[in-house]
Amino acid sequence: MEQDEVCFVGLPDEEDDFDFTESFTMVKAELEAQLVEEAKLNQVILENLAKVKLQWSRKP
């Protein structure tokens, strides 16, 4: 190997183009949408539970 050559062990470092602010904003928006959906579903569940009539009978 010549003196000007560079030898890498493993993977070479690459520019990290990860944008934390953009990713966090997307994840936050997704979470907020899921929370809205959760509230809607919880309301439907409560309404459906209110329709359930239970009758208990005791057998001698």
PDB file of N, CA and C in Angstrom:
ATOM      1  N   MET A   1       0.849  -1.166   0.000  1.00  0.00           N
ATOM      2  CA  MET A   1       0.000   0.000   0.000  1.00  0.00           C
ATOM      3  C   MET A   1       0.891   1.224   0.000  1.00  0.00           C
ATOM      4  N   GLU A   2       0.547   2.161  -0.898  1.00  0.00           N
ATOM      5  CA  GLU A   2       1.331   3.394  -0.981  1.00  0.00           C
ATOM      6  C   GLU A   2       1.006   4.284   0.200  1.00  0.00           C
ATOM      7  N   GLN A   3       1.866   5.215   0.488  1.00  0.00           N
ATOM      8  CA  GLN A   3       1.714   6.090   1.645  1.00  0.00           C
ATOM      9  C   GLN A   3       0.508   7.029   1.497  1.00  0.00           C
ATOM     10  N   ASP A   4       0.090   7.379   0.278  1.00  0.00           N
ATOM     11  CA  ASP A   4      -1.028   8.292   0.067  1.00  0.00           C
ATOM     12  C   ASP A   4      -2.390   7.596   0.203  1.00  0.00           C
ATOM     13  N   GLU A   5      -2.418   6.280   0.182  1.00  0.00           N
ATOM     14  CA  GLU A   5      -3.672   5.559   0.256  1.00  0.00           C
ATOM     15  C   GLU A   5      -4.196   5.542   1.695  1.00  0.00           C
ATOM     16  N   VAL A   6      -5.526   5.565   1.803  1.00  0.00           N
ATOM     17  CA  VAL A   6      -6.156   5.513   3.119  1.00  0.00           C
ATOM     18  C   VAL A   6      -6.879   4.188   3.219  1.00  0.00           C
ATOM     19  N   CYS A   7      -6.693   3.514   4.316  1.00  0.00           N
ATOM     20  CA  CYS A   7      -7.333   2.228   4.533  1.00  0.00           C
ATOM     21  C   CYS A   7      -8.378   2.385   5.639  1.00  0.00           C
ATOM     22  N   PHE A   8      -9.631   2.028   5.324  1.00  0.00           N
ATOM     23  CA  PHE A   8     -10.710   2.103   6.304  1.00  0.00           C
ATOM     24  C   PHE A   8     -10.979   0.709   6.856  1.00  0.00           C
ATOM     25  N   VAL A   9     -11.210   0.647   8.125  1.00  0.00           N
ATOM     26  CA  VAL A   9     -11.662  -0.575   8.757  1.00  0.00           C
ATOM     27  C   VAL A   9     -13.104  -0.317   9.153  1.00  0.00           C
ATOM     28  N   GLY A  10     -14.023  -1.090   8.622  1.00  0.00           N
ATOM     29  CA  GLY A  10     -15.439  -0.849   8.878  1.00  0.00           C
ATOM     30  C   GLY A  10     -15.998   0.070   7.812  1.00  0.00           C
ATOM     31  N   LEU A  11     -17.087   0.719   8.138  1.00  0.00           N
ATOM     32  CA  LEU A  11     -17.740   1.599   7.180  1.00  0.00           C
ATOM     33  C   LEU A  11     -17.211   3.020   7.324  1.00  0.00           C
ATOM     34  N   PRO A  12     -17.051   3.695   6.209  1.00  0.00           N
ATOM     35  CA  PRO A  12     -16.590   5.085   6.298  1.00  0.00           C
ATOM     36  C   PRO A  12     -17.702   5.973   6.857  1.00  0.00           C
ATOM     37  N   ASP A  13     -17.277   7.013   7.552  1.00  0.00           N
ATOM     38  CA  ASP A  13     -18.250   7.976   8.058  1.00  0.00           C
ATOM     39  C   ASP A  13     -18.908   8.687   6.892  1.00  0.00           C
ATOM     40  N   GLU A  14     -20.232   8.812   6.975  1.00  0.00           N
ATOM     41  CA  GLU A  14     -20.969   9.522   5.938  1.00  0.00           C
ATOM     42  C   GLU A  14     -21.625  10.730   6.572  1.00  0.00           C
ATOM     43  N   GLU A  15     -21.917  11.687   5.750  1.00  0.00           N
ATOM     44  CA  GLU A  15     -22.629  12.863   6.231  1.00  0.00           C
ATOM     45  C   GLU A  15     -23.981  12.425   6.787  1.00  0.00           C
ATOM     46  N   ASP A  16     -24.314  12.906   7.943  1.00  0.00           N
ATOM     47  CA  ASP A  16     -25.607  12.573   8.540  1.00  0.00           C
ATOM     48  C   ASP A  16     -26.605  13.632   8.120  1.00  0.00           C
ATOM     49  N   ASP A  17     -27.555  13.224   7.263  1.00  0.00           N
ATOM     50  CA  ASP A  17     -28.541  14.187   6.781  1.00  0.00           C
ATOM     51  C   ASP A  17     -29.853  14.085   7.568  1.00  0.00           C
ATOM     52  N   PHE A  18     -29.794  13.516   8.764  1.00  0.00           N
ATOM     53  CA  PHE A  18     -30.961  13.382   9.627  1.00  0.00           C
ATOM     54  C   PHE A  18     -31.332  14.747  10.179  1.00  0.00           C
ATOM     55  N   ASP A  19     -32.577  15.142   9.957  1.00  0.00           N
ATOM     56  CA  ASP A  19     -33.071  16.427  10.450  1.00  0.00           C
ATOM     57  C   ASP A  19     -33.976  16.161  11.641  1.00  0.00           C
ATOM     58  N   PHE A  20     -33.434  16.354  12.841  1.00  0.00           N
ATOM     59  CA  PHE A  20     -34.183  16.056  14.059  1.00  0.00           C
ATOM     60  C   PHE A  20     -35.459  16.878  14.143  1.00  0.00           C
ATOM     61  N   THR A  21     -35.380  18.155  13.848  1.00  0.00           N
ATOM     62  CA  THR A  21     -36.548  19.023  13.954  1.00  0.00           C
ATOM     63  C   THR A  21     -37.663  18.545  13.034  1.00  0.00           C
ATOM     64  N   GLU A  22     -37.331  18.203  11.818  1.00  0.00           N
ATOM     65  CA  GLU A  22     -38.329  17.719  10.868  1.00  0.00           C
ATOM     66  C   GLU A  22     -38.933  16.395  11.344  1.00  0.00           C
ATOM     67  N   SER A  23     -38.083  15.476  11.769  1.00  0.00           N
ATOM     68  CA  SER A  23     -38.564  14.174  12.234  1.00  0.00           C
ATOM     69  C   SER A  23     -39.428  14.321  13.473  1.00  0.00           C
ATOM     70  N   PHE A  24     -38.995  15.145  14.416  1.00  0.00           N
ATOM     71  CA  PHE A  24     -39.757  15.349  15.644  1.00  0.00           C
ATOM     72  C   PHE A  24     -41.111  15.975  15.339  1.00  0.00           C
ATOM     73  N   THR A  25     -41.135  16.926  14.430  1.00  0.00           N
ATOM     74  CA  THR A  25     -42.388  17.584  14.048  1.00  0.00           C
ATOM     75  C   THR A  25     -43.359  16.574  13.446  1.00  0.00           C
ATOM     76  N   MET A  26     -42.863  15.681  12.613  1.00  0.00           N
ATOM     77  CA  MET A  26     -43.718  14.662  11.997  1.00  0.00           C
ATOM     78  C   MET A  26     -44.244  13.681  13.044  1.00  0.00           C
ATOM     79  N   VAL A  27     -43.383  13.238  13.936  1.00  0.00           N
ATOM     80  CA  VAL A  27     -43.791  12.290  14.971  1.00  0.00           C
ATOM     81  C   VAL A  27     -44.801  12.941  15.917  1.00  0.00           C
ATOM     82  N   LYS A  28     -44.566  14.196  16.253  1.00  0.00           N
ATOM     83  CA  LYS A  28     -45.479  14.920  17.142  1.00  0.00           C
ATOM     84  C   LYS A  28     -46.852  15.069  16.492  1.00  0.00           C
ATOM     85  N   ALA A  29     -46.896  15.402  15.213  1.00  0.00           N
ATOM     86  CA  ALA A  29     -48.160  15.544  14.497  1.00  0.00           C
ATOM     87  C   ALA A  29     -48.894  14.208  14.440  1.00  0.00           C
ATOM     88  N   GLU A  30     -48.169  13.130  14.220  1.00  0.00           N
ATOM     89  CA  GLU A  30     -48.778  11.801  14.184  1.00  0.00           C
ATOM     90  C   GLU A  30     -49.363  11.438  15.553  1.00  0.00           C
ATOM     91  N   LEU A  31     -48.623  11.727  16.614  1.00  0.00           N
ATOM     92  CA  LEU A  31     -49.106  11.464  17.966  1.00  0.00           C
ATOM     93  C   LEU A  31     -50.359  12.273  18.264  1.00  0.00           C
ATOM     94  N   GLU A  32     -50.362  13.534  17.891  1.00  0.00           N
ATOM     95  CA  GLU A  32     -51.539  14.378  18.132  1.00  0.00           C
ATOM     96  C   GLU A  32     -52.758  13.842  17.394  1.00  0.00           C
ATOM     97  N   ALA A  33     -52.571  13.379  16.160  1.00  0.00           N
ATOM     98  CA  ALA A  33     -53.679  12.798  15.399  1.00  0.00           C
ATOM     99  C   ALA A  33     -54.176  11.519  16.072  1.00  0.00           C
ATOM    100  N   GLN A  34     -53.268  10.716  16.590  1.00  0.00           N
ATOM    101  CA  GLN A  34     -53.652   9.488  17.277  1.00  0.00           C
ATOM    102  C   GLN A  34     -54.407   9.792  18.567  1.00  0.00           C
ATOM    103  N   LEU A  35     -54.027  10.847  19.264  1.00  0.00           N
ATOM    104  CA  LEU A  35     -54.730  11.230  20.486  1.00  0.00           C
ATOM    105  C   LEU A  35     -56.153  11.691  20.185  1.00  0.00           C
ATOM    106  N   VAL A  36     -56.331  12.401  19.085  1.00  0.00           N
ATOM    107  CA  VAL A  36     -57.671  12.822  18.668  1.00  0.00           C
ATOM    108  C   VAL A  36     -58.508  11.585  18.346  1.00  0.00           C
ATOM    109  N   GLU A  37     -57.934  10.662  17.601  1.00  0.00           N
ATOM    110  CA  GLU A  37     -58.639   9.427  17.254  1.00  0.00           C
ATOM    111  C   GLU A  37     -58.974   8.631  18.512  1.00  0.00           C
ATOM    112  N   GLU A  38     -58.058   8.597  19.453  1.00  0.00           N
ATOM    113  CA  GLU A  38     -58.305   7.888  20.716  1.00  0.00           C
ATOM    114  C   GLU A  38     -59.510   8.482  21.435  1.00  0.00           C
ATOM    115  N   ALA A  39     -59.598   9.790  21.502  1.00  0.00           N
ATOM    116  CA  ALA A  39     -60.711  10.453  22.176  1.00  0.00           C
ATOM    117  C   ALA A  39     -62.037  10.094  21.502  1.00  0.00           C
ATOM    118  N   LYS A  40     -62.053  10.068  20.175  1.00  0.00           N
ATOM    119  CA  LYS A  40     -63.262   9.694  19.441  1.00  0.00           C
ATOM    120  C   LYS A  40     -63.664   8.250  19.743  1.00  0.00           C
ATOM    121  N   LEU A  41     -62.684   7.359  19.713  1.00  0.00           N
ATOM    122  CA  LEU A  41     -62.973   5.951  19.976  1.00  0.00           C
ATOM    123  C   LEU A  41     -63.435   5.739  21.413  1.00  0.00           C
ATOM    124  N   ASN A  42     -62.834   6.438  22.353  1.00  0.00           N
ATOM    125  CA  ASN A  42     -63.259   6.330  23.749  1.00  0.00           C
ATOM    126  C   ASN A  42     -64.712   6.761  23.897  1.00  0.00           C
ATOM    127  N   GLN A  43     -65.103   7.802  23.203  1.00  0.00           N
ATOM    128  CA  GLN A  43     -66.488   8.272  23.265  1.00  0.00           C
ATOM    129  C   GLN A  43     -67.435   7.221  22.690  1.00  0.00           C
ATOM    130  N   VAL A  44     -67.076   6.621  21.582  1.00  0.00           N
ATOM    131  CA  VAL A  44     -67.905   5.564  20.979  1.00  0.00           C
ATOM    132  C   VAL A  44     -68.028   4.388  21.945  1.00  0.00           C
ATOM    133  N   ILE A  45     -66.937   4.020  22.572  1.00  0.00           N
ATOM    134  CA  ILE A  45     -66.958   2.908  23.522  1.00  0.00           C
ATOM    135  C   ILE A  45     -67.898   3.227  24.682  1.00  0.00           C
ATOM    136  N   LEU A  46     -67.787   4.424  25.231  1.00  0.00           N
ATOM    137  CA  LEU A  46     -68.666   4.808  26.339  1.00  0.00           C
ATOM    138  C   LEU A  46     -70.131   4.791  25.923  1.00  0.00           C
ATOM    139  N   GLU A  47     -70.426   5.282  24.738  1.00  0.00           N
ATOM    140  CA  GLU A  47     -71.808   5.268  24.247  1.00  0.00           C
ATOM    141  C   GLU A  47     -72.313   3.838  24.078  1.00  0.00           C
ATOM    142  N   ASN A  48     -71.483   2.962  23.575  1.00  0.00           N
ATOM    143  CA  ASN A  48     -71.888   1.570  23.393  1.00  0.00           C
ATOM    144  C   ASN A  48     -72.049   0.856  24.738  1.00  0.00           C
ATOM    145  N   LEU A  49     -71.197   1.157  25.682  1.00  0.00           N
ATOM    146  CA  LEU A  49     -71.328   0.552  27.007  1.00  0.00           C
ATOM    147  C   LEU A  49     -72.618   0.998  27.693  1.00  0.00           C
ATOM    148  N   ALA A  50     -73.024   2.232  27.454  1.00  0.00           N
ATOM    149  CA  ALA A  50     -74.262   2.738  28.049  1.00  0.00           C
ATOM    150  C   ALA A  50     -75.480   1.993  27.509  1.00  0.00           C
ATOM    151  N   LYS A  51     -75.375   1.395  26.358  1.00  0.00           N
ATOM    152  CA  LYS A  51     -76.486   0.654  25.749  1.00  0.00           C
ATOM    153  C   LYS A  51     -76.600  -0.776  26.279  1.00  0.00           C
ATOM    154  N   VAL A  52     -75.568  -1.236  26.931  1.00  0.00           N
ATOM    155  CA  VAL A  52     -75.561  -2.616  27.415  1.00  0.00           C
ATOM    156  C   VAL A  52     -76.412  -2.708  28.678  1.00  0.00           C
ATOM    157  N   LYS A  53     -77.355  -3.626  28.661  1.00  0.00           N
ATOM    158  CA  LYS A  53     -78.219  -3.874  29.810  1.00  0.00           C
ATOM    159  C   LYS A  53     -77.858  -5.246  30.368  1.00  0.00           C
ATOM    160  N   LEU A  54     -77.558  -5.269  31.637  1.00  0.00           N
ATOM    161  CA  LEU A  54     -77.226  -6.530  32.279  1.00  0.00           C
ATOM    162  C   LEU A  54     -78.362  -6.902  33.225  1.00  0.00           C
ATOM    163  N   GLN A  55     -78.714  -8.141  33.185  1.00  0.00           N
ATOM    164  CA  GLN A  55     -79.710  -8.654  34.123  1.00  0.00           C
ATOM    165  C   GLN A  55     -79.083  -9.811  34.876  1.00  0.00           C
ATOM    166  N   TRP A  56     -79.180  -9.720  36.152  1.00  0.00           N
ATOM    167  CA  TRP A  56     -78.638 -10.771  36.997  1.00  0.00           C
ATOM    168  C   TRP A  56     -79.801 -11.556  37.555  1.00  0.00           C
ATOM    169  N   SER A  57     -79.740 -12.814  37.414  1.00  0.00           N
ATOM    170  CA  SER A  57     -80.756 -13.665  38.035  1.00  0.00           C
ATOM    171  C   SER A  57     -80.060 -14.675  38.921  1.00  0.00           C
ATOM    172  N   ARG A  58     -80.643 -14.864  40.067  1.00  0.00           N
ATOM    173  CA  ARG A  58     -80.061 -15.797  41.015  1.00  0.00           C
ATOM    174  C   ARG A  58     -80.874 -17.080  40.985  1.00  0.00           C
ATOM    175  N   LYS A  59     -80.212 -18.158  40.678  1.00  0.00           N
ATOM    176  CA  LYS A  59     -80.892 -19.452  40.646  1.00  0.00           C
ATOM    177  C   LYS A  59     -80.844 -20.085  42.030  1.00  0.00           C
ATOM    178  N   PRO A  60     -81.999 -20.569  42.493  1.00  0.00           N
ATOM    179  CA  PRO A  60     -81.996 -21.200  43.832  1.00  0.00           C
ATOM    180  C   PRO A  60     -81.252 -22.513  43.874  1.00  0.00           C
TER     181      PRO A  60
END
